[in-house]
Amino acid sequence: MKNRISKNILMFLVLGTSSIVAQETIEEFLKNQPIIDVHIHITKGYTDNEDYNKINSDIDIAKIEWMRERFDKNNIVFALGGGPMKYAKLWQQIDKRHWSGPRFPCNPLREQDEPCDNELPNLKELDSLFKNETFKYLGETSFHSMGLLPSEERFNPYWEMAEKYNIPIGFHADAGPFKRNIEETPNWNEAYGNPLLLLPVLEKYPNLKIYLMHYPGRYFDECLAVMKKYEQIYCEISAVSMFAPKERWEPRVKKLYNEGLGDRLMYGSDYVGTIRKNIEIIYNLDWLSDEQKRDVYYNNAAKFLNLLASEIEEHHKMVE
């Protein structure tokens, strides 16, 4: 009995020490490491959300302040996020680390898109917002959730504008999410998340700066095909790497590197409150070198977004 207790104590000490060492390792790795999050969702605040509903009496401000805390704790120097025009303006006004823009197109039936009076933003207003750099982003796209083709003619002025101002565009390139409110998305068609549907758009606007969200999902081969054809097309692995079995998505990420496209993989979190979890997912890909991990966290996105040397220097100072 005494030997059994001793062995149990020894095992506890070994496992406990191992856990502490692992935790210290990631904390040490992330010191002075800026991170760019290329996938967040800008929305109204929800009164039933216990994570932030006590932070401020104004629930919309409460959510922004809660996100600010997540950014501070995880070295997020800025994030690309789309949502209703009202909140896209508000979020970047309160915290300049938000590179905001409109969800495209927005869904008038979807609560997360409220307020959404029109599917497409006013062209004149959006041009002004892009021109003065109030807005720096377009997306996430909703073509799959609304059963729309990105090549429809009515979208052309927006693609033209994004190309003109070099605006990054987040394209939902997967079949999911699979749990959804059917009443909000009666025209849902997962086939419209296929990135090959972007090819007619890219033929007209070959300099569009697009990144493919949820790369290792349903359309991972199609993502690779588009990325090989256009060198400015990047990707990120959020959501799929959290909810799909690792044995399914990890080989697809390895294929990205084997195909010589690993330098176009960027970090994204997607879901509210999962910034840290997605950081750990990248860190725990033990076949990536430290340099490659740092590229995913920051350097690849800095290249994708054509950041200036002065901006990169400032971002590193922010997390010292």
C-alpha atoms as a PDB file:
ATOM      1  CA  MET A   1       0.000   0.000   0.000  1.00  0.00           C
ATOM      2  CA  LYS A   2       2.811   2.357   0.946  1.00  0.00           C
ATOM      3  CA  ASN A   3       4.678   1.607  -2.307  1.00  0.00           C
ATOM      4  CA  ARG A   4       1.488   2.206  -4.316  1.00  0.00           C
ATOM      5  CA  ILE A   5       0.990   5.617  -2.675  1.00  0.00           C
ATOM      6  CA  SER A   6       4.618   6.512  -3.282  1.00  0.00           C
ATOM      7  CA  LYS A   7       4.304   5.572  -6.955  1.00  0.00           C
ATOM      8  CA  ASN A   8       1.127   7.630  -7.269  1.00  0.00           C
ATOM      9  CA  ILE A   9       2.799  10.642  -5.680  1.00  0.00           C
ATOM     10  CA  LEU A  10       5.814  10.223  -7.975  1.00  0.00           C
ATOM     11  CA  MET A  11       3.557   9.967 -11.018  1.00  0.00           C
ATOM     12  CA  PHE A  12       1.666  13.097  -9.938  1.00  0.00           C
ATOM     13  CA  LEU A  13       4.906  15.008  -9.486  1.00  0.00           C
ATOM     14  CA  VAL A  14       6.228  13.927 -12.892  1.00  0.00           C
ATOM     15  CA  LEU A  15       2.994  14.740 -14.734  1.00  0.00           C
ATOM     16  CA  GLY A  16       2.543  17.961 -12.820  1.00  0.00           C
ATOM     17  CA  THR A  17       6.087  19.084 -13.544  1.00  0.00           C
ATOM     18  CA  SER A  18       5.681  18.155 -17.208  1.00  0.00           C
ATOM     19  CA  SER A  19       2.509  20.228 -17.425  1.00  0.00           C
ATOM     20  CA  ILE A  20       4.195  23.223 -15.789  1.00  0.00           C
ATOM     21  CA  VAL A  21       7.195  22.964 -18.127  1.00  0.00           C
ATOM     22  CA  ALA A  22       4.907  22.811 -21.188  1.00  0.00           C
ATOM     23  CA  GLN A  23       2.966  25.835 -19.989  1.00  0.00           C
ATOM     24  CA  GLU A  24       6.169  27.747 -19.287  1.00  0.00           C
ATOM     25  CA  THR A  25       7.430  26.846 -22.753  1.00  0.00           C
ATOM     26  CA  ILE A  26       4.529  28.413 -24.633  1.00  0.00           C
ATOM     27  CA  GLU A  27       4.526  31.449 -22.346  1.00  0.00           C
ATOM     28  CA  GLU A  28       8.228  31.918 -22.963  1.00  0.00           C
ATOM     29  CA  PHE A  29       7.739  31.475 -26.707  1.00  0.00           C
ATOM     30  CA  LEU A  30       5.012  34.116 -26.838  1.00  0.00           C
ATOM     31  CA  LYS A  31       7.026  36.769 -24.984  1.00  0.00           C
ATOM     32  CA  ASN A  32       7.561  39.760 -27.280  1.00  0.00           C
ATOM     33  CA  GLN A  33       5.700  37.917 -30.052  1.00  0.00           C
ATOM     34  CA  PRO A  34       3.114  40.110 -31.832  1.00  0.00           C
ATOM     35  CA  ILE A  35       0.110  38.299 -33.287  1.00  0.00           C
ATOM     36  CA  ILE A  36      -2.223  39.367 -36.088  1.00  0.00           C
ATOM     37  CA  ASP A  37      -5.689  37.796 -35.922  1.00  0.00           C
ATOM     38  CA  VAL A  38      -7.177  37.712 -39.418  1.00  0.00           C
ATOM     39  CA  HIS A  39     -10.597  36.362 -38.441  1.00  0.00           C
ATOM     40  CA  ILE A  40     -12.888  37.856 -35.835  1.00  0.00           C
ATOM     41  CA  HIS A  41     -16.614  38.667 -35.946  1.00  0.00           C
ATOM     42  CA  ILE A  42     -17.867  42.153 -35.186  1.00  0.00           C
ATOM     43  CA  THR A  43     -21.395  42.096 -33.764  1.00  0.00           C
ATOM     44  CA  LYS A  44     -23.664  43.774 -31.287  1.00  0.00           C
ATOM     45  CA  GLY A  45     -23.317  42.831 -27.627  1.00  0.00           C
ATOM     46  CA  TYR A  46     -25.531  40.071 -26.248  1.00  0.00           C
ATOM     47  CA  THR A  47     -27.076  40.588 -22.825  1.00  0.00           C
ATOM     48  CA  ASP A  48     -27.107  36.847 -22.108  1.00  0.00           C
ATOM     49  CA  ASN A  49     -23.349  36.507 -22.593  1.00  0.00           C
ATOM     50  CA  GLU A  50     -21.912  36.018 -19.117  1.00  0.00           C
ATOM     51  CA  ASP A  51     -18.343  36.564 -20.319  1.00  0.00           C
ATOM     52  CA  TYR A  52     -18.871  40.298 -20.670  1.00  0.00           C
ATOM     53  CA  ASN A  53     -22.411  41.391 -19.728  1.00  0.00           C
ATOM     54  CA  LYS A  54     -21.242  42.757 -16.358  1.00  0.00           C
ATOM     55  CA  ILE A  55     -18.302  44.764 -17.720  1.00  0.00           C
ATOM     56  CA  ASN A  56     -20.291  47.826 -18.835  1.00  0.00           C
ATOM     57  CA  SER A  57     -23.923  48.935 -18.626  1.00  0.00           C
ATOM     58  CA  ASP A  58     -23.809  49.483 -22.403  1.00  0.00           C
ATOM     59  CA  ILE A  59     -23.728  45.891 -23.669  1.00  0.00           C
ATOM     60  CA  ASP A  60     -22.202  46.872 -27.034  1.00  0.00           C
ATOM     61  CA  ILE A  61     -19.324  48.667 -25.310  1.00  0.00           C
ATOM     62  CA  ALA A  62     -19.012  45.774 -22.855  1.00  0.00           C
ATOM     63  CA  LYS A  63     -18.269  43.351 -25.680  1.00  0.00           C
ATOM     64  CA  ILE A  64     -15.654  45.659 -27.198  1.00  0.00           C
ATOM     65  CA  GLU A  65     -13.942  46.078 -23.824  1.00  0.00           C
ATOM     66  CA  TRP A  66     -13.978  42.323 -23.293  1.00  0.00           C
ATOM     67  CA  MET A  67     -12.360  41.828 -26.707  1.00  0.00           C
ATOM     68  CA  ARG A  68      -9.779  44.467 -25.774  1.00  0.00           C
ATOM     69  CA  GLU A  69      -8.823  42.346 -22.762  1.00  0.00           C
ATOM     70  CA  ARG A  70      -8.434  39.288 -25.006  1.00  0.00           C
ATOM     71  CA  PHE A  71      -6.169  41.284 -27.317  1.00  0.00           C
ATOM     72  CA  ASP A  72      -4.064  42.565 -24.401  1.00  0.00           C
ATOM     73  CA  LYS A  73      -3.614  39.120 -22.858  1.00  0.00           C
ATOM     74  CA  ASN A  74      -2.669  37.435 -26.130  1.00  0.00           C
ATOM     75  CA  ASN A  75      -0.416  40.001 -27.851  1.00  0.00           C
ATOM     76  CA  ILE A  76      -2.937  40.749 -30.594  1.00  0.00           C
ATOM     77  CA  VAL A  77      -1.610  43.897 -32.244  1.00  0.00           C
ATOM     78  CA  PHE A  78      -4.559  44.123 -34.621  1.00  0.00           C
ATOM     79  CA  ALA A  79      -7.355  41.997 -36.041  1.00  0.00           C
ATOM     80  CA  LEU A  80      -9.345  41.850 -39.260  1.00  0.00           C
ATOM     81  CA  GLY A  81     -13.066  41.709 -38.577  1.00  0.00           C
ATOM     82  CA  GLY A  82     -16.306  42.279 -40.422  1.00  0.00           C
ATOM     83  CA  GLY A  83     -19.842  42.932 -39.302  1.00  0.00           C
ATOM     84  CA  PRO A  84     -22.756  45.366 -39.579  1.00  0.00           C
ATOM     85  CA  MET A  85     -21.653  48.824 -40.700  1.00  0.00           C
ATOM     86  CA  LYS A  86     -22.807  50.333 -37.393  1.00  0.00           C
ATOM     87  CA  TYR A  87     -20.617  48.089 -35.273  1.00  0.00           C
ATOM     88  CA  ALA A  88     -17.689  47.978 -37.697  1.00  0.00           C
ATOM     89  CA  LYS A  89     -17.442  51.750 -37.242  1.00  0.00           C
ATOM     90  CA  LEU A  90     -17.894  51.582 -33.473  1.00  0.00           C
ATOM     91  CA  TRP A  91     -15.330  48.847 -32.807  1.00  0.00           C
ATOM     92  CA  GLN A  92     -12.492  50.513 -34.710  1.00  0.00           C
ATOM     93  CA  GLN A  93     -13.404  53.872 -33.201  1.00  0.00           C
ATOM     94  CA  ILE A  94     -13.000  52.547 -29.651  1.00  0.00           C
ATOM     95  CA  ASP A  95     -10.006  50.282 -30.287  1.00  0.00           C
ATOM     96  CA  LYS A  96      -7.769  51.102 -33.260  1.00  0.00           C
ATOM     97  CA  ARG A  97      -6.473  47.538 -33.268  1.00  0.00           C
ATOM     98  CA  HIS A  98      -9.631  46.597 -35.165  1.00  0.00           C
ATOM     99  CA  TRP A  99      -9.205  46.686 -38.905  1.00  0.00           C
ATOM    100  CA  SER A 100     -12.921  46.720 -39.582  1.00  0.00           C
ATOM    101  CA  GLY A 101     -15.215  46.441 -42.564  1.00  0.00           C
ATOM    102  CA  PRO A 102     -18.680  45.285 -43.591  1.00  0.00           C
ATOM    103  CA  ARG A 103     -19.785  41.664 -43.679  1.00  0.00           C
ATOM    104  CA  PHE A 104     -20.309  40.985 -47.389  1.00  0.00           C
ATOM    105  CA  PRO A 105     -23.107  40.675 -48.184  1.00  0.00           C
ATOM    106  CA  CYS A 106     -24.949  41.001 -44.899  1.00  0.00           C
ATOM    107  CA  ASN A 107     -28.011  38.854 -44.243  1.00  0.00           C
ATOM    108  CA  PRO A 108     -31.156  40.806 -43.180  1.00  0.00           C
ATOM    109  CA  LEU A 109     -32.557  37.616 -41.606  1.00  0.00           C
ATOM    110  CA  ARG A 110     -29.504  36.861 -39.482  1.00  0.00           C
ATOM    111  CA  GLU A 111     -29.400  38.197 -35.924  1.00  0.00           C
ATOM    112  CA  GLN A 112     -25.599  38.371 -35.950  1.00  0.00           C
ATOM    113  CA  ASP A 113     -25.808  40.768 -38.921  1.00  0.00           C
ATOM    114  CA  GLU A 114     -28.187  43.232 -37.222  1.00  0.00           C
ATOM    115  CA  PRO A 115     -28.678  45.975 -38.195  1.00  0.00           C
ATOM    116  CA  CYS A 116     -28.718  45.007 -41.868  1.00  0.00           C
ATOM    117  CA  ASP A 117     -31.146  47.115 -43.885  1.00  0.00           C
ATOM    118  CA  ASN A 118     -29.524  46.302 -47.221  1.00  0.00           C
ATOM    119  CA  GLU A 119     -27.468  43.311 -48.278  1.00  0.00           C
ATOM    120  CA  LEU A 120     -24.788  45.568 -49.772  1.00  0.00           C
ATOM    121  CA  PRO A 121     -23.294  48.733 -48.257  1.00  0.00           C
ATOM    122  CA  ASN A 122     -23.739  52.083 -49.939  1.00  0.00           C
ATOM    123  CA  LEU A 123     -20.994  52.347 -52.559  1.00  0.00           C
ATOM    124  CA  LYS A 124     -20.312  56.039 -52.073  1.00  0.00           C
ATOM    125  CA  GLU A 125     -20.075  55.706 -48.286  1.00  0.00           C
ATOM    126  CA  LEU A 126     -17.877  52.622 -48.450  1.00  0.00           C
ATOM    127  CA  ASP A 127     -15.552  54.270 -50.957  1.00  0.00           C
ATOM    128  CA  SER A 128     -15.109  57.175 -48.551  1.00  0.00           C
ATOM    129  CA  LEU A 129     -14.478  54.822 -45.599  1.00  0.00           C
ATOM    130  CA  PHE A 130     -11.855  52.877 -47.523  1.00  0.00           C
ATOM    131  CA  LYS A 131     -10.257  56.018 -48.924  1.00  0.00           C
ATOM    132  CA  ASN A 132      -9.733  57.640 -45.505  1.00  0.00           C
ATOM    133  CA  GLU A 133      -8.745  54.247 -43.984  1.00  0.00           C
ATOM    134  CA  THR A 134     -11.582  54.191 -41.461  1.00  0.00           C
ATOM    135  CA  PHE A 135     -12.344  50.759 -42.904  1.00  0.00           C
ATOM    136  CA  LYS A 136      -9.506  48.421 -43.886  1.00  0.00           C
ATOM    137  CA  TYR A 137     -11.313  45.143 -44.538  1.00  0.00           C
ATOM    138  CA  LEU A 138     -14.118  43.479 -46.510  1.00  0.00           C
ATOM    139  CA  GLY A 139     -15.734  40.272 -45.259  1.00  0.00           C
ATOM    140  CA  GLU A 140     -16.347  37.714 -43.981  1.00  0.00           C
ATOM    141  CA  THR A 141     -18.210  36.776 -47.145  1.00  0.00           C
ATOM    142  CA  SER A 142     -21.639  35.184 -46.856  1.00  0.00           C
ATOM    143  CA  PHE A 143     -22.074  33.724 -50.339  1.00  0.00           C
ATOM    144  CA  HIS A 144     -22.530  30.167 -49.056  1.00  0.00           C
ATOM    145  CA  SER A 145     -25.073  31.152 -46.395  1.00  0.00           C
ATOM    146  CA  MET A 146     -27.173  33.141 -48.867  1.00  0.00           C
ATOM    147  CA  GLY A 147     -26.832  30.967 -51.962  1.00  0.00           C
ATOM    148  CA  LEU A 148     -25.095  33.648 -54.031  1.00  0.00           C
ATOM    149  CA  LEU A 149     -22.280  33.561 -56.559  1.00  0.00           C
ATOM    150  CA  PRO A 150     -19.376  35.962 -55.947  1.00  0.00           C
ATOM    151  CA  SER A 151     -19.260  36.560 -59.709  1.00  0.00           C
ATOM    152  CA  GLU A 152     -22.722  38.177 -59.834  1.00  0.00           C
ATOM    153  CA  GLU A 153     -22.490  41.507 -61.646  1.00  0.00           C
ATOM    154  CA  ARG A 154     -23.876  43.510 -58.723  1.00  0.00           C
ATOM    155  CA  PHE A 155     -20.748  42.646 -56.714  1.00  0.00           C
ATOM    156  CA  ASN A 156     -18.333  43.947 -59.368  1.00  0.00           C
ATOM    157  CA  PRO A 157     -18.196  47.559 -58.066  1.00  0.00           C
ATOM    158  CA  TYR A 158     -17.153  46.230 -54.656  1.00  0.00           C
ATOM    159  CA  TRP A 159     -14.414  44.006 -56.074  1.00  0.00           C
ATOM    160  CA  GLU A 160     -13.218  46.954 -58.141  1.00  0.00           C
ATOM    161  CA  MET A 161     -13.147  49.155 -55.047  1.00  0.00           C
ATOM    162  CA  ALA A 162     -11.293  46.545 -52.968  1.00  0.00           C
ATOM    163  CA  GLU A 163      -8.677  46.178 -55.677  1.00  0.00           C
ATOM    164  CA  LYS A 164      -8.347  49.961 -55.998  1.00  0.00           C
ATOM    165  CA  TYR A 165      -7.659  50.457 -52.282  1.00  0.00           C
ATOM    166  CA  ASN A 166      -5.783  47.162 -51.778  1.00  0.00           C
ATOM    167  CA  ILE A 167      -8.356  45.982 -49.220  1.00  0.00           C
ATOM    168  CA  PRO A 168      -7.957  42.455 -47.775  1.00  0.00           C
ATOM    169  CA  ILE A 169     -10.997  40.215 -48.298  1.00  0.00           C
ATOM    170  CA  GLY A 170     -11.910  37.225 -46.153  1.00  0.00           C
ATOM    171  CA  PHE A 171     -13.658  34.496 -48.196  1.00  0.00           C
ATOM    172  CA  HIS A 172     -15.513  31.720 -46.346  1.00  0.00           C
ATOM    173  CA  ALA A 173     -14.008  28.690 -48.112  1.00  0.00           C
ATOM    174  CA  ASP A 174     -15.712  25.776 -46.393  1.00  0.00           C
ATOM    175  CA  ALA A 175     -19.064  23.974 -46.297  1.00  0.00           C
ATOM    176  CA  GLY A 176     -19.807  24.667 -42.626  1.00  0.00           C
ATOM    177  CA  PRO A 177     -20.786  25.631 -40.052  1.00  0.00           C
ATOM    178  CA  PHE A 178     -23.151  22.705 -39.866  1.00  0.00           C
ATOM    179  CA  LYS A 179     -25.184  23.916 -36.891  1.00  0.00           C
ATOM    180  CA  ARG A 180     -27.218  26.878 -38.086  1.00  0.00           C
ATOM    181  CA  ASN A 181     -30.605  28.534 -37.849  1.00  0.00           C
ATOM    182  CA  ILE A 182     -32.468  27.473 -41.001  1.00  0.00           C
ATOM    183  CA  GLU A 183     -34.903  30.362 -40.632  1.00  0.00           C
ATOM    184  CA  GLU A 184     -31.978  32.777 -40.857  1.00  0.00           C
ATOM    185  CA  THR A 185     -30.406  31.020 -43.842  1.00  0.00           C
ATOM    186  CA  PRO A 186     -33.219  29.581 -46.024  1.00  0.00           C
ATOM    187  CA  ASN A 187     -31.050  29.813 -49.159  1.00  0.00           C
ATOM    188  CA  TRP A 188     -27.996  28.118 -47.649  1.00  0.00           C
ATOM    189  CA  ASN A 189     -25.908  26.284 -50.242  1.00  0.00           C
ATOM    190  CA  GLU A 190     -22.542  24.947 -49.130  1.00  0.00           C
ATOM    191  CA  ALA A 191     -21.357  24.689 -52.762  1.00  0.00           C
ATOM    192  CA  TYR A 192     -21.024  28.482 -52.822  1.00  0.00           C
ATOM    193  CA  GLY A 193     -18.149  28.241 -50.371  1.00  0.00           C
ATOM    194  CA  ASN A 194     -16.010  26.621 -53.084  1.00  0.00           C
ATOM    195  CA  PRO A 195     -13.072  28.985 -53.740  1.00  0.00           C
ATOM    196  CA  LEU A 196     -13.002  27.976 -57.406  1.00  0.00           C
ATOM    197  CA  LEU A 197     -16.009  30.292 -57.738  1.00  0.00           C
ATOM    198  CA  LEU A 198     -13.558  33.141 -57.191  1.00  0.00           C
ATOM    199  CA  LEU A 199     -11.699  32.433 -60.437  1.00  0.00           C
ATOM    200  CA  PRO A 200     -14.065  34.462 -62.679  1.00  0.00           C
ATOM    201  CA  VAL A 201     -13.764  37.343 -60.191  1.00  0.00           C
ATOM    202  CA  LEU A 202      -9.960  37.095 -60.123  1.00  0.00           C
ATOM    203  CA  GLU A 203      -9.827  37.039 -63.926  1.00  0.00           C
ATOM    204  CA  LYS A 204     -11.525  40.470 -63.909  1.00  0.00           C
ATOM    205  CA  TYR A 205      -9.688  41.768 -60.845  1.00  0.00           C
ATOM    206  CA  PRO A 206      -6.376  39.849 -60.772  1.00  0.00           C
ATOM    207  CA  ASN A 207      -4.849  41.919 -57.975  1.00  0.00           C
ATOM    208  CA  LEU A 208      -7.561  41.297 -55.369  1.00  0.00           C
ATOM    209  CA  LYS A 209      -6.056  40.504 -51.984  1.00  0.00           C
ATOM    210  CA  ILE A 210      -8.096  37.501 -50.760  1.00  0.00           C
ATOM    211  CA  TYR A 211      -7.493  34.969 -48.023  1.00  0.00           C
ATOM    212  CA  LEU A 212      -9.380  31.701 -47.738  1.00  0.00           C
ATOM    213  CA  MET A 213     -10.980  31.019 -44.364  1.00  0.00           C
ATOM    214  CA  HIS A 214     -11.112  27.502 -42.883  1.00  0.00           C
ATOM    215  CA  TYR A 215      -8.541  26.122 -45.349  1.00  0.00           C
ATOM    216  CA  PRO A 216      -8.351  22.471 -44.315  1.00  0.00           C
ATOM    217  CA  GLY A 217     -12.106  21.921 -44.621  1.00  0.00           C
ATOM    218  CA  ARG A 218     -14.258  20.570 -47.440  1.00  0.00           C
ATOM    219  CA  TYR A 219     -12.560  22.521 -50.226  1.00  0.00           C
ATOM    220  CA  PHE A 220      -8.909  22.176 -49.264  1.00  0.00           C
ATOM    221  CA  ASP A 221      -7.805  20.908 -52.709  1.00  0.00           C
ATOM    222  CA  GLU A 222      -9.687  23.743 -54.372  1.00  0.00           C
ATOM    223  CA  CYS A 223      -8.001  26.206 -52.001  1.00  0.00           C
ATOM    224  CA  LEU A 224      -4.598  24.879 -53.048  1.00  0.00           C
ATOM    225  CA  ALA A 225      -5.518  25.237 -56.716  1.00  0.00           C
ATOM    226  CA  VAL A 226      -6.507  28.884 -56.333  1.00  0.00           C
ATOM    227  CA  MET A 227      -3.437  29.665 -54.224  1.00  0.00           C
ATOM    228  CA  LYS A 228      -1.157  28.122 -56.858  1.00  0.00           C
ATOM    229  CA  LYS A 229      -2.764  30.190 -59.592  1.00  0.00           C
ATOM    230  CA  TYR A 230      -2.635  33.515 -57.698  1.00  0.00           C
ATOM    231  CA  GLU A 231       0.345  34.230 -55.466  1.00  0.00           C
ATOM    232  CA  GLN A 232      -1.477  36.905 -53.425  1.00  0.00           C
ATOM    233  CA  ILE A 233      -4.094  34.410 -52.152  1.00  0.00           C
ATOM    234  CA  TYR A 234      -3.446  33.312 -48.541  1.00  0.00           C
ATOM    235  CA  CYS A 235      -5.362  31.128 -46.056  1.00  0.00           C
ATOM    236  CA  GLU A 236      -6.065  30.437 -42.368  1.00  0.00           C
ATOM    237  CA  ILE A 237      -7.185  27.310 -40.493  1.00  0.00           C
ATOM    238  CA  SER A 238      -9.642  28.543 -37.837  1.00  0.00           C
ATOM    239  CA  ALA A 239     -12.732  26.538 -36.805  1.00  0.00           C
ATOM    240  CA  VAL A 240     -11.770  23.392 -38.743  1.00  0.00           C
ATOM    241  CA  SER A 241      -8.697  22.915 -36.546  1.00  0.00           C
ATOM    242  CA  MET A 242     -10.865  23.315 -33.444  1.00  0.00           C
ATOM    243  CA  PHE A 243     -13.827  21.127 -34.318  1.00  0.00           C
ATOM    244  CA  ALA A 244     -12.660  18.545 -36.869  1.00  0.00           C
ATOM    245  CA  PRO A 245     -10.546  15.532 -35.804  1.00  0.00           C
ATOM    246  CA  LYS A 246      -6.851  16.384 -35.888  1.00  0.00           C
ATOM    247  CA  GLU A 247      -6.080  13.308 -37.977  1.00  0.00           C
ATOM    248  CA  ARG A 248      -8.290  14.800 -40.697  1.00  0.00           C
ATOM    249  CA  TRP A 249      -7.071  18.399 -40.830  1.00  0.00           C
ATOM    250  CA  GLU A 250      -3.400  18.176 -39.803  1.00  0.00           C
ATOM    251  CA  PRO A 251      -2.268  16.189 -42.883  1.00  0.00           C
ATOM    252  CA  ARG A 252      -3.954  18.830 -45.028  1.00  0.00           C
ATOM    253  CA  VAL A 253      -1.967  21.562 -43.310  1.00  0.00           C
ATOM    254  CA  LYS A 254       1.192  19.529 -43.900  1.00  0.00           C
ATOM    255  CA  LYS A 255       0.203  19.301 -47.562  1.00  0.00           C
ATOM    256  CA  LEU A 256       0.020  23.091 -47.653  1.00  0.00           C
ATOM    257  CA  TYR A 257       3.685  23.173 -46.631  1.00  0.00           C
ATOM    258  CA  ASN A 258       4.649  20.284 -48.904  1.00  0.00           C
ATOM    259  CA  GLU A 259       3.161  22.212 -51.824  1.00  0.00           C
ATOM    260  CA  GLY A 260       5.373  25.185 -50.965  1.00  0.00           C
ATOM    261  CA  LEU A 261       2.486  27.339 -49.707  1.00  0.00           C
ATOM    262  CA  GLY A 262       3.162  27.302 -45.956  1.00  0.00           C
ATOM    263  CA  ASP A 263       4.434  30.870 -46.053  1.00  0.00           C
ATOM    264  CA  ARG A 264       0.859  31.941 -46.815  1.00  0.00           C
ATOM    265  CA  LEU A 265      -0.756  30.444 -43.720  1.00  0.00           C
ATOM    266  CA  MET A 266      -2.011  33.032 -41.217  1.00  0.00           C
ATOM    267  CA  TYR A 267      -3.413  32.940 -37.698  1.00  0.00           C
ATOM    268  CA  GLY A 268      -7.171  33.408 -37.134  1.00  0.00           C
ATOM    269  CA  SER A 269      -9.473  32.756 -34.177  1.00  0.00           C
ATOM    270  CA  ASP A 270     -13.026  33.109 -35.610  1.00  0.00           C
ATOM    271  CA  TYR A 271     -15.162  32.217 -32.590  1.00  0.00           C
ATOM    272  CA  VAL A 272     -15.679  34.583 -29.668  1.00  0.00           C
ATOM    273  CA  GLY A 273     -13.362  33.691 -26.809  1.00  0.00           C
ATOM    274  CA  THR A 274     -11.132  31.240 -28.705  1.00  0.00           C
ATOM    275  CA  ILE A 275      -8.109  33.444 -29.362  1.00  0.00           C
ATOM    276  CA  ARG A 276      -5.925  31.542 -26.877  1.00  0.00           C
ATOM    277  CA  LYS A 277      -7.130  28.121 -28.022  1.00  0.00           C
ATOM    278  CA  ASN A 278      -6.187  28.873 -31.629  1.00  0.00           C
ATOM    279  CA  ILE A 279      -2.790  30.200 -30.553  1.00  0.00           C
ATOM    280  CA  GLU A 280      -2.164  26.887 -28.795  1.00  0.00           C
ATOM    281  CA  ILE A 281      -3.260  24.898 -31.871  1.00  0.00           C
ATOM    282  CA  ILE A 282      -0.535  26.546 -33.941  1.00  0.00           C
ATOM    283  CA  TYR A 283       2.040  26.217 -31.162  1.00  0.00           C
ATOM    284  CA  ASN A 284       1.307  22.494 -30.729  1.00  0.00           C
ATOM    285  CA  LEU A 285       2.060  21.671 -34.369  1.00  0.00           C
ATOM    286  CA  ASP A 286       5.414  20.250 -33.296  1.00  0.00           C
ATOM    287  CA  TRP A 287       6.579  19.625 -36.871  1.00  0.00           C
ATOM    288  CA  LEU A 288       6.609  23.383 -37.476  1.00  0.00           C
ATOM    289  CA  SER A 289       9.859  25.139 -36.626  1.00  0.00           C
ATOM    290  CA  ASP A 290       9.807  28.084 -34.225  1.00  0.00           C
ATOM    291  CA  GLU A 291      10.429  30.373 -37.179  1.00  0.00           C
ATOM    292  CA  GLN A 292       7.446  28.932 -39.068  1.00  0.00           C
ATOM    293  CA  LYS A 293       5.200  29.373 -36.028  1.00  0.00           C
ATOM    294  CA  ARG A 294       6.246  33.002 -35.750  1.00  0.00           C
ATOM    295  CA  ASP A 295       5.489  33.386 -39.443  1.00  0.00           C
ATOM    296  CA  VAL A 296       1.949  32.081 -38.900  1.00  0.00           C
ATOM    297  CA  TYR A 297       1.373  34.300 -35.884  1.00  0.00           C
ATOM    298  CA  TYR A 298       2.614  37.482 -37.531  1.00  0.00           C
ATOM    299  CA  ASN A 299       5.101  37.548 -40.414  1.00  0.00           C
ATOM    300  CA  ASN A 300       2.932  35.962 -43.119  1.00  0.00           C
ATOM    301  CA  ALA A 301       0.075  38.362 -42.405  1.00  0.00           C
ATOM    302  CA  ALA A 302       2.492  41.302 -42.337  1.00  0.00           C
ATOM    303  CA  LYS A 303       3.613  40.299 -45.829  1.00  0.00           C
ATOM    304  CA  PHE A 304       0.042  39.699 -47.035  1.00  0.00           C
ATOM    305  CA  LEU A 305      -1.002  43.144 -45.810  1.00  0.00           C
ATOM    306  CA  ASN A 306       2.146  44.884 -47.094  1.00  0.00           C
ATOM    307  CA  LEU A 307       2.925  46.380 -43.695  1.00  0.00           C
ATOM    308  CA  LEU A 308       5.612  49.030 -43.577  1.00  0.00           C
ATOM    309  CA  ALA A 309       8.846  48.446 -41.652  1.00  0.00           C
ATOM    310  CA  SER A 310       7.799  51.212 -39.256  1.00  0.00           C
ATOM    311  CA  GLU A 311       4.467  49.452 -38.587  1.00  0.00           C
ATOM    312  CA  ILE A 312       6.202  46.151 -37.922  1.00  0.00           C
ATOM    313  CA  GLU A 313       8.613  47.856 -35.528  1.00  0.00           C
ATOM    314  CA  GLU A 314       5.706  49.488 -33.703  1.00  0.00           C
ATOM    315  CA  HIS A 315       3.885  46.158 -33.337  1.00  0.00           C
ATOM    316  CA  HIS A 316       6.938  44.585 -31.722  1.00  0.00           C
ATOM    317  CA  LYS A 317       7.212  47.509 -29.333  1.00  0.00           C
ATOM    318  CA  MET A 318       3.547  47.036 -28.374  1.00  0.00           C
ATOM    319  CA  VAL A 319       4.261  43.591 -26.896  1.00  0.00           C
ATOM    320  CA  GLU A 320       7.633  44.187 -25.269  1.00  0.00           C
END
